[in-house]
Amino acid sequence: MLRIHCPQCKKSFFWTDDMPTQGKCVNPDCGWHYNVRAELKKNLSPPAMEEKKAKPLLCPSCQGEITARFSICRNCGYIVLGRTAVRKSVAFLYICLLLIILSLIFKYSG
């Protein structure tokens, strides 16, 4: 099945294997003729928005290029968490503090 969009009447319809490869739009008031091969090429080609190169992700601390929003920057070594950057030592201290608090909660809750 292939979805074909008519440029004249702005309607779309599904082309199936039992339909002819060239034919008229399914709207009776429309005189547009479709060609399945041409429509298939339109569907396979990437849209114009994707052809433009996406903006690279930048580290909030040093503005160096990073691979993901949750990663370690190769330039400054900070841990990037969304739009914030944290030093590794500070992140380590927060994790240790969180584990200590959780262990105290589990120890005295039961």
PDB file of N, CA and C in Angstrom:
ATOM      1  N   MET A   1       0.837  -1.184   0.000  1.00  0.00           N
ATOM      2  CA  MET A   1       0.000   0.000   0.000  1.00  0.00           C
ATOM      3  C   MET A   1       0.877   1.241   0.000  1.00  0.00           C
ATOM      4  N   LEU A   2       0.437   2.209  -0.748  1.00  0.00           N
ATOM      5  CA  LEU A   2       1.169   3.466  -0.882  1.00  0.00           C
ATOM      6  C   LEU A   2       0.162   4.605  -0.756  1.00  0.00           C
ATOM      7  N   ARG A   3       0.465   5.566   0.084  1.00  0.00           N
ATOM      8  CA  ARG A   3      -0.419   6.725   0.232  1.00  0.00           C
ATOM      9  C   ARG A   3      -0.045   7.747  -0.819  1.00  0.00           C
ATOM     10  N   ILE A   4      -1.021   8.156  -1.605  1.00  0.00           N
ATOM     11  CA  ILE A   4      -0.814   9.136  -2.668  1.00  0.00           C
ATOM     12  C   ILE A   4      -1.590  10.393  -2.306  1.00  0.00           C
ATOM     13  N   HIS A   5      -0.907  11.546  -2.361  1.00  0.00           N
ATOM     14  CA  HIS A   5      -1.520  12.841  -2.070  1.00  0.00           C
ATOM     15  C   HIS A   5      -1.757  13.573  -3.379  1.00  0.00           C
ATOM     16  N   CYS A   6      -2.981  13.977  -3.604  1.00  0.00           N
ATOM     17  CA  CYS A   6      -3.324  14.709  -4.824  1.00  0.00           C
ATOM     18  C   CYS A   6      -2.987  16.185  -4.629  1.00  0.00           C
ATOM     19  N   PRO A   7      -2.174  16.770  -5.516  1.00  0.00           N
ATOM     20  CA  PRO A   7      -1.818  18.185  -5.347  1.00  0.00           C
ATOM     21  C   PRO A   7      -2.946  19.139  -5.737  1.00  0.00           C
ATOM     22  N   GLN A   8      -3.930  18.669  -6.507  1.00  0.00           N
ATOM     23  CA  GLN A   8      -5.004  19.568  -6.944  1.00  0.00           C
ATOM     24  C   GLN A   8      -6.148  19.643  -5.935  1.00  0.00           C
ATOM     25  N   CYS A   9      -6.680  18.499  -5.531  1.00  0.00           N
ATOM     26  CA  CYS A   9      -7.825  18.513  -4.609  1.00  0.00           C
ATOM     27  C   CYS A   9      -7.403  18.353  -3.151  1.00  0.00           C
ATOM     28  N   LYS A  10      -6.116  18.136  -2.901  1.00  0.00           N
ATOM     29  CA  LYS A  10      -5.542  18.035  -1.556  1.00  0.00           C
ATOM     30  C   LYS A  10      -6.060  16.835  -0.762  1.00  0.00           C
ATOM     31  N   LYS A  11      -6.591  15.838  -1.453  1.00  0.00           N
ATOM     32  CA  LYS A  11      -7.025  14.617  -0.781  1.00  0.00           C
ATOM     33  C   LYS A  11      -5.961  13.552  -0.964  1.00  0.00           C
ATOM     34  N   SER A  12      -6.020  12.547  -0.108  1.00  0.00           N
ATOM     35  CA  SER A  12      -5.067  11.451  -0.229  1.00  0.00           C
ATOM     36  C   SER A  12      -5.837  10.139  -0.238  1.00  0.00           C
ATOM     37  N   PHE A  13      -5.228   9.141  -0.862  1.00  0.00           N
ATOM     38  CA  PHE A  13      -5.829   7.821  -0.927  1.00  0.00           C
ATOM     39  C   PHE A  13      -4.721   6.787  -0.944  1.00  0.00           C
ATOM     40  N   PHE A  14      -5.083   5.559  -0.633  1.00  0.00           N
ATOM     41  CA  PHE A  14      -4.122   4.464  -0.622  1.00  0.00           C
ATOM     42  C   PHE A  14      -4.180   3.718  -1.948  1.00  0.00           C
ATOM     43  N   TRP A  15      -3.015   3.508  -2.536  1.00  0.00           N
ATOM     44  CA  TRP A  15      -2.902   2.707  -3.739  1.00  0.00           C
ATOM     45  C   TRP A  15      -2.561   1.283  -3.315  1.00  0.00           C
ATOM     46  N   THR A  16      -3.305   0.322  -3.840  1.00  0.00           N
ATOM     47  CA  THR A  16      -3.054  -1.083  -3.536  1.00  0.00           C
ATOM     48  C   THR A  16      -2.561  -1.785  -4.781  1.00  0.00           C
ATOM     49  N   ASP A  17      -2.106  -3.006  -4.618  1.00  0.00           N
ATOM     50  CA  ASP A  17      -1.524  -3.757  -5.732  1.00  0.00           C
ATOM     51  C   ASP A  17      -2.519  -4.083  -6.831  1.00  0.00           C
ATOM     52  N   ASP A  18      -3.798  -4.127  -6.530  1.00  0.00           N
ATOM     53  CA  ASP A  18      -4.781  -4.455  -7.558  1.00  0.00           C
ATOM     54  C   ASP A  18      -5.224  -3.235  -8.366  1.00  0.00           C
ATOM     55  N   MET A  19      -4.737  -2.051  -8.028  1.00  0.00           N
ATOM     56  CA  MET A  19      -5.050  -0.829  -8.779  1.00  0.00           C
ATOM     57  C   MET A  19      -4.014  -0.639  -9.887  1.00  0.00           C
ATOM     58  N   PRO A  20      -4.353   0.108 -10.946  1.00  0.00           N
ATOM     59  CA  PRO A  20      -3.378   0.344 -12.024  1.00  0.00           C
ATOM     60  C   PRO A  20      -2.237   1.246 -11.559  1.00  0.00           C
ATOM     61  N   THR A  21      -1.072   1.112 -12.212  1.00  0.00           N
ATOM     62  CA  THR A  21       0.084   1.925 -11.818  1.00  0.00           C
ATOM     63  C   THR A  21      -0.060   3.381 -12.238  1.00  0.00           C
ATOM     64  N   GLN A  22      -0.888   3.640 -13.227  1.00  0.00           N
ATOM     65  CA  GLN A  22      -1.191   5.009 -13.636  1.00  0.00           C
ATOM     66  C   GLN A  22      -2.696   5.135 -13.700  1.00  0.00           C
ATOM     67  N   GLY A  23      -3.199   6.213 -13.143  1.00  0.00           N
ATOM     68  CA  GLY A  23      -4.648   6.373 -13.146  1.00  0.00           C
ATOM     69  C   GLY A  23      -5.051   7.758 -12.723  1.00  0.00           C
ATOM     70  N   LYS A  24      -6.363   7.901 -12.559  1.00  0.00           N
ATOM     71  CA  LYS A  24      -6.949   9.180 -12.209  1.00  0.00           C
ATOM     72  C   LYS A  24      -7.177   9.242 -10.705  1.00  0.00           C
ATOM     73  N   CYS A  25      -7.196  10.441 -10.171  1.00  0.00           N
ATOM     74  CA  CYS A  25      -7.457  10.651  -8.744  1.00  0.00           C
ATOM     75  C   CYS A  25      -8.821  10.057  -8.394  1.00  0.00           C
ATOM     76  N   VAL A  26      -8.978   9.578  -7.176  1.00  0.00           N
ATOM     77  CA  VAL A  26     -10.228   8.934  -6.769  1.00  0.00           C
ATOM     78  C   VAL A  26     -11.365   9.936  -6.591  1.00  0.00           C
ATOM     79  N   ASN A  27     -11.045  11.207  -6.459  1.00  0.00           N
ATOM     80  CA  ASN A  27     -12.073  12.242  -6.368  1.00  0.00           C
ATOM     81  C   ASN A  27     -12.677  12.443  -7.760  1.00  0.00           C
ATOM     82  N   PRO A  28     -13.987  12.278  -7.933  1.00  0.00           N
ATOM     83  CA  PRO A  28     -14.579  12.389  -9.277  1.00  0.00           C
ATOM     84  C   PRO A  28     -14.493  13.800  -9.863  1.00  0.00           C
ATOM     85  N   ASP A  29     -14.396  14.824  -9.030  1.00  0.00           N
ATOM     86  CA  ASP A  29     -14.320  16.203  -9.521  1.00  0.00           C
ATOM     87  C   ASP A  29     -12.903  16.616  -9.899  1.00  0.00           C
ATOM     88  N   CYS A  30     -11.927  15.783  -9.617  1.00  0.00           N
ATOM     89  CA  CYS A  30     -10.525  16.125  -9.859  1.00  0.00           C
ATOM     90  C   CYS A  30     -10.055  15.469 -11.151  1.00  0.00           C
ATOM     91  N   GLY A  31      -9.234  16.161 -11.907  1.00  0.00           N
ATOM     92  CA  GLY A  31      -8.739  15.624 -13.170  1.00  0.00           C
ATOM     93  C   GLY A  31      -7.270  15.224 -13.128  1.00  0.00           C
ATOM     94  N   TRP A  32      -6.681  15.171 -11.940  1.00  0.00           N
ATOM     95  CA  TRP A  32      -5.257  14.863 -11.792  1.00  0.00           C
ATOM     96  C   TRP A  32      -5.011  13.380 -12.022  1.00  0.00           C
ATOM     97  N   HIS A  33      -3.925  13.056 -12.704  1.00  0.00           N
ATOM     98  CA  HIS A  33      -3.548  11.666 -12.955  1.00  0.00           C
ATOM     99  C   HIS A  33      -2.289  11.347 -12.156  1.00  0.00           C
ATOM    100  N   TYR A  34      -2.281  10.180 -11.542  1.00  0.00           N
ATOM    101  CA  TYR A  34      -1.141   9.767 -10.726  1.00  0.00           C
ATOM    102  C   TYR A  34      -0.298   8.734 -11.459  1.00  0.00           C
ATOM    103  N   ASN A  35       0.966   8.680 -11.074  1.00  0.00           N
ATOM    104  CA  ASN A  35       1.899   7.673 -11.550  1.00  0.00           C
ATOM    105  C   ASN A  35       2.548   7.099 -10.295  1.00  0.00           C
ATOM    106  N   VAL A  36       2.370   5.813 -10.072  1.00  0.00           N
ATOM    107  CA  VAL A  36       2.832   5.187  -8.835  1.00  0.00           C
ATOM    108  C   VAL A  36       4.345   5.285  -8.700  1.00  0.00           C
ATOM    109  N   ARG A  37       5.067   5.142  -9.781  1.00  0.00           N
ATOM    110  CA  ARG A  37       6.536   5.206  -9.708  1.00  0.00           C
ATOM    111  C   ARG A  37       7.010   6.586  -9.257  1.00  0.00           C
ATOM    112  N   ALA A  38       6.386   7.634  -9.796  1.00  0.00           N
ATOM    113  CA  ALA A  38       6.761   8.996  -9.400  1.00  0.00           C
ATOM    114  C   ALA A  38       6.379   9.258  -7.945  1.00  0.00           C
ATOM    115  N   GLU A  39       5.216   8.779  -7.532  1.00  0.00           N
ATOM    116  CA  GLU A  39       4.784   8.972  -6.146  1.00  0.00           C
ATOM    117  C   GLU A  39       5.669   8.197  -5.181  1.00  0.00           C
ATOM    118  N   LEU A  40       6.127   7.029  -5.594  1.00  0.00           N
ATOM    119  CA  LEU A  40       7.024   6.242  -4.751  1.00  0.00           C
ATOM    120  C   LEU A  40       8.350   6.958  -4.566  1.00  0.00           C
ATOM    121  N   LYS A  41       8.851   7.590  -5.614  1.00  0.00           N
ATOM    122  CA  LYS A  41      10.094   8.357  -5.503  1.00  0.00           C
ATOM    123  C   LYS A  41       9.918   9.543  -4.556  1.00  0.00           C
ATOM    124  N   LYS A  42       8.737  10.174  -4.572  1.00  0.00           N
ATOM    125  CA  LYS A  42       8.473  11.286  -3.655  1.00  0.00           C
ATOM    126  C   LYS A  42       8.478  10.802  -2.209  1.00  0.00           C
ATOM    127  N   ASN A  43       7.905   9.617  -1.966  1.00  0.00           N
ATOM    128  CA  ASN A  43       7.844   9.089  -0.602  1.00  0.00           C
ATOM    129  C   ASN A  43       9.209   8.631  -0.110  1.00  0.00           C
ATOM    130  N   LEU A  44      10.079   8.180  -1.005  1.00  0.00           N
ATOM    131  CA  LEU A  44      11.378   7.677  -0.587  1.00  0.00           C
ATOM    132  C   LEU A  44      12.406   8.779  -0.393  1.00  0.00           C
ATOM    133  N   SER A  45      12.241   9.897  -1.067  1.00  0.00           N
ATOM    134  CA  SER A  45      13.211  10.981  -0.916  1.00  0.00           C
ATOM    135  C   SER A  45      13.020  11.653   0.433  1.00  0.00           C
ATOM    136  N   PRO A  46      14.121  12.034   1.099  1.00  0.00           N
ATOM    137  CA  PRO A  46      13.998  12.657   2.427  1.00  0.00           C
ATOM    138  C   PRO A  46      13.363  14.035   2.320  1.00  0.00           C
ATOM    139  N   PRO A  47      12.584  14.420   3.308  1.00  0.00           N
ATOM    140  CA  PRO A  47      11.972  15.751   3.294  1.00  0.00           C
ATOM    141  C   PRO A  47      13.025  16.855   3.351  1.00  0.00           C
ATOM    142  N   ALA A  48      12.640  18.026   2.960  1.00  0.00           N
ATOM    143  CA  ALA A  48      13.566  19.161   2.917  1.00  0.00           C
ATOM    144  C   ALA A  48      14.064  19.539   4.307  1.00  0.00           C
ATOM    145  N   MET A  49      13.258  19.312   5.320  1.00  0.00           N
ATOM    146  CA  MET A  49      13.670  19.663   6.671  1.00  0.00           C
ATOM    147  C   MET A  49      14.794  18.762   7.169  1.00  0.00           C
ATOM    148  N   GLU A  50      14.781  17.504   6.769  1.00  0.00           N
ATOM    149  CA  GLU A  50      15.821  16.591   7.220  1.00  0.00           C
ATOM    150  C   GLU A  50      17.122  16.768   6.445  1.00  0.00           C
ATOM    151  N   GLU A  51      17.045  17.363   5.265  1.00  0.00           N
ATOM    152  CA  GLU A  51      18.251  17.572   4.483  1.00  0.00           C
ATOM    153  C   GLU A  51      19.164  18.617   5.121  1.00  0.00           C
ATOM    154  N   LYS A  52      18.539  19.565   5.816  1.00  0.00           N
ATOM    155  CA  LYS A  52      19.340  20.580   6.496  1.00  0.00           C
ATOM    156  C   LYS A  52      20.085  19.921   7.642  1.00  0.00           C
ATOM    157  N   LYS A  53      21.309  20.325   7.836  1.00  0.00           N
ATOM    158  CA  LYS A  53      22.112  19.739   8.903  1.00  0.00           C
ATOM    159  C   LYS A  53      21.601  20.230  10.250  1.00  0.00           C
ATOM    160  N   ALA A  54      21.408  19.292  11.155  1.00  0.00           N
ATOM    161  CA  ALA A  54      20.926  19.644  12.484  1.00  0.00           C
ATOM    162  C   ALA A  54      22.014  20.381  13.259  1.00  0.00           C
ATOM    163  N   LYS A  55      21.592  21.234  14.167  1.00  0.00           N
ATOM    164  CA  LYS A  55      22.548  21.974  14.974  1.00  0.00           C
ATOM    165  C   LYS A  55      23.267  21.002  15.901  1.00  0.00           C
ATOM    166  N   PRO A  56      24.569  21.148  16.046  1.00  0.00           N
ATOM    167  CA  PRO A  56      25.287  20.249  16.963  1.00  0.00           C
ATOM    168  C   PRO A  56      24.949  20.575  18.413  1.00  0.00           C
ATOM    169  N   LEU A  57      24.987  19.559  19.248  1.00  0.00           N
ATOM    170  CA  LEU A  57      24.768  19.758  20.679  1.00  0.00           C
ATOM    171  C   LEU A  57      26.033  20.339  21.295  1.00  0.00           C
ATOM    172  N   LEU A  58      25.877  21.343  22.140  1.00  0.00           N
ATOM    173  CA  LEU A  58      27.022  22.022  22.745  1.00  0.00           C
ATOM    174  C   LEU A  58      26.991  21.848  24.258  1.00  0.00           C
ATOM    175  N   CYS A  59      28.169  21.733  24.830  1.00  0.00           N
ATOM    176  CA  CYS A  59      28.322  21.625  26.280  1.00  0.00           C
ATOM    177  C   CYS A  59      27.955  22.967  26.906  1.00  0.00           C
ATOM    178  N   PRO A  60      27.142  22.961  27.967  1.00  0.00           N
ATOM    179  CA  PRO A  60      26.790  24.231  28.603  1.00  0.00           C
ATOM    180  C   PRO A  60      27.974  24.920  29.280  1.00  0.00           C
ATOM    181  N   SER A  61      29.019  24.182  29.609  1.00  0.00           N
ATOM    182  CA  SER A  61      30.158  24.756  30.302  1.00  0.00           C
ATOM    183  C   SER A  61      31.177  25.376  29.344  1.00  0.00           C
ATOM    184  N   CYS A  62      31.662  24.580  28.391  1.00  0.00           N
ATOM    185  CA  CYS A  62      32.750  25.049  27.514  1.00  0.00           C
ATOM    186  C   CYS A  62      32.308  25.305  26.075  1.00  0.00           C
ATOM    187  N   GLN A  63      31.056  25.038  25.744  1.00  0.00           N
ATOM    188  CA  GLN A  63      30.510  25.203  24.398  1.00  0.00           C
ATOM    189  C   GLN A  63      31.157  24.292  23.370  1.00  0.00           C
ATOM    190  N   GLY A  64      31.793  23.212  23.827  1.00  0.00           N
ATOM    191  CA  GLY A  64      32.348  22.209  22.917  1.00  0.00           C
ATOM    192  C   GLY A  64      31.251  21.272  22.447  1.00  0.00           C
ATOM    193  N   GLU A  65      31.477  20.634  21.327  1.00  0.00           N
ATOM    194  CA  GLU A  65      30.469  19.739  20.767  1.00  0.00           C
ATOM    195  C   GLU A  65      30.408  18.442  21.567  1.00  0.00           C
ATOM    196  N   ILE A  66      29.190  17.993  21.887  1.00  0.00           N
ATOM    197  CA  ILE A  66      28.975  16.752  22.629  1.00  0.00           C
ATOM    198  C   ILE A  66      28.077  15.835  21.805  1.00  0.00           C
ATOM    199  N   THR A  67      28.054  14.554  22.170  1.00  0.00           N
ATOM    200  CA  THR A  67      27.284  13.582  21.385  1.00  0.00           C
ATOM    201  C   THR A  67      25.840  13.464  21.850  1.00  0.00           C
ATOM    202  N   ALA A  68      25.576  13.658  23.155  1.00  0.00           N
ATOM    203  CA  ALA A  68      24.218  13.522  23.678  1.00  0.00           C
ATOM    204  C   ALA A  68      24.023  14.474  24.846  1.00  0.00           C
ATOM    205  N   ARG A  69      22.790  14.701  25.220  1.00  0.00           N
ATOM    206  CA  ARG A  69      22.492  15.613  26.323  1.00  0.00           C
ATOM    207  C   ARG A  69      22.865  15.033  27.678  1.00  0.00           C
ATOM    208  N   PHE A  70      22.997  13.724  27.793  1.00  0.00           N
ATOM    209  CA  PHE A  70      23.412  13.080  29.035  1.00  0.00           C
ATOM    210  C   PHE A  70      24.700  12.323  28.750  1.00  0.00           C
ATOM    211  N   SER A  71      25.822  13.008  28.897  1.00  0.00           N
ATOM    212  CA  SER A  71      27.121  12.412  28.577  1.00  0.00           C
ATOM    213  C   SER A  71      28.223  13.161  29.319  1.00  0.00           C
ATOM    214  N   ILE A  72      29.437  12.783  29.040  1.00  0.00           N
ATOM    215  CA  ILE A  72      30.602  13.464  29.596  1.00  0.00           C
ATOM    216  C   ILE A  72      31.271  14.233  28.459  1.00  0.00           C
ATOM    217  N   CYS A  73      31.519  15.507  28.680  1.00  0.00           N
ATOM    218  CA  CYS A  73      32.134  16.351  27.656  1.00  0.00           C
ATOM    219  C   CYS A  73      33.591  15.949  27.489  1.00  0.00           C
ATOM    220  N   ARG A  74      34.022  15.792  26.266  1.00  0.00           N
ATOM    221  CA  ARG A  74      35.406  15.413  25.985  1.00  0.00           C
ATOM    222  C   ARG A  74      36.364  16.580  26.169  1.00  0.00           C
ATOM    223  N   ASN A  75      35.854  17.802  26.036  1.00  0.00           N
ATOM    224  CA  ASN A  75      36.718  18.977  26.133  1.00  0.00           C
ATOM    225  C   ASN A  75      37.025  19.358  27.583  1.00  0.00           C
ATOM    226  N   CYS A  76      35.975  19.508  28.403  1.00  0.00           N
ATOM    227  CA  CYS A  76      36.192  19.993  29.772  1.00  0.00           C
ATOM    228  C   CYS A  76      36.064  18.896  30.823  1.00  0.00           C
ATOM    229  N   GLY A  77      35.515  17.742  30.473  1.00  0.00           N
ATOM    230  CA  GLY A  77      35.392  16.640  31.411  1.00  0.00           C
ATOM    231  C   GLY A  77      34.193  16.739  32.344  1.00  0.00           C
ATOM    232  N   TYR A  78      33.332  17.729  32.161  1.00  0.00           N
ATOM    233  CA  TYR A  78      32.149  17.866  32.997  1.00  0.00           C
ATOM    234  C   TYR A  78      31.101  16.838  32.576  1.00  0.00           C
ATOM    235  N   ILE A  79      30.226  16.483  33.515  1.00  0.00           N
ATOM    236  CA  ILE A  79      29.104  15.600  33.210  1.00  0.00           C
ATOM    237  C   ILE A  79      27.948  16.487  32.763  1.00  0.00           C
ATOM    238  N   VAL A  80      27.460  16.271  31.568  1.00  0.00           N
ATOM    239  CA  VAL A  80      26.378  17.071  31.015  1.00  0.00           C
ATOM    240  C   VAL A  80      25.062  16.367  31.321  1.00  0.00           C
ATOM    241  N   LEU A  81      24.194  17.070  32.032  1.00  0.00           N
ATOM    242  CA  LEU A  81      22.873  16.558  32.395  1.00  0.00           C
ATOM    243  C   LEU A  81      21.828  17.522  31.838  1.00  0.00           C
ATOM    244  N   GLY A  82      21.438  17.305  30.613  1.00  0.00           N
ATOM    245  CA  GLY A  82      20.470  18.200  29.976  1.00  0.00           C
ATOM    246  C   GLY A  82      21.109  19.524  29.660  1.00  0.00           C
ATOM    247  N   ARG A  83      20.633  20.581  30.331  1.00  0.00           N
ATOM    248  CA  ARG A  83      21.164  21.922  30.087  1.00  0.00           C
ATOM    249  C   ARG A  83      22.151  22.364  31.154  1.00  0.00           C
ATOM    250  N   THR A  84      22.527  21.470  32.047  1.00  0.00           N
ATOM    251  CA  THR A  84      23.488  21.819  33.089  1.00  0.00           C
ATOM    252  C   THR A  84      24.725  20.941  32.967  1.00  0.00           C
ATOM    253  N   ALA A  85      25.826  21.459  33.473  1.00  0.00           N
ATOM    254  CA  ALA A  85      27.079  20.712  33.489  1.00  0.00           C
ATOM    255  C   ALA A  85      27.591  20.682  34.926  1.00  0.00           C
ATOM    256  N   VAL A  86      27.998  19.491  35.368  1.00  0.00           N
ATOM    257  CA  VAL A  86      28.448  19.299  36.743  1.00  0.00           C
ATOM    258  C   VAL A  86      29.825  18.652  36.711  1.00  0.00           C
ATOM    259  N   ARG A  87      30.709  19.109  37.607  1.00  0.00           N
ATOM    260  CA  ARG A  87      32.022  18.472  37.705  1.00  0.00           C
ATOM    261  C   ARG A  87      31.863  17.052  38.219  1.00  0.00           C
ATOM    262  N   LYS A  88      32.791  16.183  37.851  1.00  0.00           N
ATOM    263  CA  LYS A  88      32.717  14.784  38.267  1.00  0.00           C
ATOM    264  C   LYS A  88      32.792  14.657  39.778  1.00  0.00           C
ATOM    265  N   SER A  89      33.626  15.454  40.420  1.00  0.00           N
ATOM    266  CA  SER A  89      33.777  15.350  41.877  1.00  0.00           C
ATOM    267  C   SER A  89      32.487  15.740  42.595  1.00  0.00           C
ATOM    268  N   VAL A  90      31.809  16.758  42.108  1.00  0.00           N
ATOM    269  CA  VAL A  90      30.550  17.179  42.727  1.00  0.00           C
ATOM    270  C   VAL A  90      29.484  16.107  42.521  1.00  0.00           C
ATOM    271  N   ALA A  91      29.420  15.539  41.340  1.00  0.00           N
ATOM    272  CA  ALA A  91      28.457  14.472  41.073  1.00  0.00           C
ATOM    273  C   ALA A  91      28.732  13.268  41.968  1.00  0.00           C
ATOM    274  N   PHE A  92      30.004  12.944  42.161  1.00  0.00           N
ATOM    275  CA  PHE A  92      30.374  11.832  43.035  1.00  0.00           C
ATOM    276  C   PHE A  92      29.909  12.088  44.469  1.00  0.00           C
ATOM    277  N   LEU A  93      30.093  13.316  44.958  1.00  0.00           N
ATOM    278  CA  LEU A  93      29.659  13.659  46.311  1.00  0.00           C
ATOM    279  C   LEU A  93      28.136  13.561  46.458  1.00  0.00           C
ATOM    280  N   TYR A  94      27.398  14.033  45.476  1.00  0.00           N
ATOM    281  CA  TYR A  94      25.940  13.935  45.515  1.00  0.00           C
ATOM    282  C   TYR A  94      25.475  12.486  45.529  1.00  0.00           C
ATOM    283  N   ILE A  95      26.099  11.647  44.740  1.00  0.00           N
ATOM    284  CA  ILE A  95      25.720  10.232  44.698  1.00  0.00           C
ATOM    285  C   ILE A  95      26.031   9.563  46.033  1.00  0.00           C
ATOM    286  N   CYS A  96      27.199   9.865  46.604  1.00  0.00           N
ATOM    287  CA  CYS A  96      27.545   9.304  47.924  1.00  0.00           C
ATOM    288  C   CYS A  96      26.555   9.750  48.983  1.00  0.00           C
ATOM    289  N   LEU A  97      26.204  11.008  48.997  1.00  0.00           N
ATOM    290  CA  LEU A  97      25.241  11.532  49.960  1.00  0.00           C
ATOM    291  C   LEU A  97      23.876  10.877  49.785  1.00  0.00           C
ATOM    292  N   LEU A  98      23.451  10.698  48.570  1.00  0.00           N
ATOM    293  CA  LEU A  98      22.183  10.036  48.296  1.00  0.00           C
ATOM    294  C   LEU A  98      22.191   8.590  48.782  1.00  0.00           C
ATOM    295  N   LEU A  99      23.283   7.878  48.556  1.00  0.00           N
ATOM    296  CA  LEU A  99      23.377   6.481  49.016  1.00  0.00           C
ATOM    297  C   LEU A  99      23.394   6.382  50.537  1.00  0.00           C
ATOM    298  N   ILE A 100      24.055   7.318  51.191  1.00  0.00           N
ATOM    299  CA  ILE A 100      24.067   7.326  52.661  1.00  0.00           C
ATOM    300  C   ILE A 100      22.662   7.568  53.207  1.00  0.00           C
ATOM    301  N   ILE A 101      21.960   8.525  52.641  1.00  0.00           N
ATOM    302  CA  ILE A 101      20.594   8.814  53.084  1.00  0.00           C
ATOM    303  C   ILE A 101      19.675   7.614  52.847  1.00  0.00           C
ATOM    304  N   LEU A 102      19.777   6.990  51.687  1.00  0.00           N
ATOM    305  CA  LEU A 102      18.956   5.812  51.406  1.00  0.00           C
ATOM    306  C   LEU A 102      19.279   4.665  52.345  1.00  0.00           C
ATOM    307  N   SER A 103      20.546   4.464  52.649  1.00  0.00           N
ATOM    308  CA  SER A 103      20.897   3.365  53.566  1.00  0.00           C
ATOM    309  C   SER A 103      20.362   3.629  54.965  1.00  0.00           C
ATOM    310  N   LEU A 104      20.381   4.885  55.413  1.00  0.00           N
ATOM    311  CA  LEU A 104      19.813   5.219  56.728  1.00  0.00           C
ATOM    312  C   LEU A 104      18.298   5.028  56.752  1.00  0.00           C
ATOM    313  N   ILE A 105      17.655   5.390  55.657  1.00  0.00           N
ATOM    314  CA  ILE A 105      16.195   5.217  55.582  1.00  0.00           C
ATOM    315  C   ILE A 105      15.842   3.740  55.656  1.00  0.00           C
ATOM    316  N   PHE A 106      16.534   2.894  54.902  1.00  0.00           N
ATOM    317  CA  PHE A 106      16.233   1.477  54.907  1.00  0.00           C
ATOM    318  C   PHE A 106      16.624   0.799  56.223  1.00  0.00           C
ATOM    319  N   LYS A 107      17.656   1.308  56.857  1.00  0.00           N
ATOM    320  CA  LYS A 107      18.098   0.702  58.122  1.00  0.00           C
ATOM    321  C   LYS A 107      17.097   0.970  59.241  1.00  0.00           C
ATOM    322  N   TYR A 108      16.573   2.198  59.339  1.00  0.00           N
ATOM    323  CA  TYR A 108      15.718   2.563  60.444  1.00  0.00           C
ATOM    324  C   TYR A 108      14.225   2.479  60.111  1.00  0.00           C
ATOM    325  N   SER A 109      13.869   2.153  58.903  1.00  0.00           N
ATOM    326  CA  SER A 109      12.446   2.047  58.569  1.00  0.00           C
ATOM    327  C   SER A 109      11.877   0.686  58.925  1.00  0.00           C
ATOM    328  N   GLY A 110      12.695  -0.314  59.015  1.00  0.00           N
ATOM    329  CA  GLY A 110      12.202  -1.671  59.251  1.00  0.00           C
ATOM    330  C   GLY A 110      12.389  -2.144  60.589  1.00  0.00           C
TER     331      GLY A 110
END
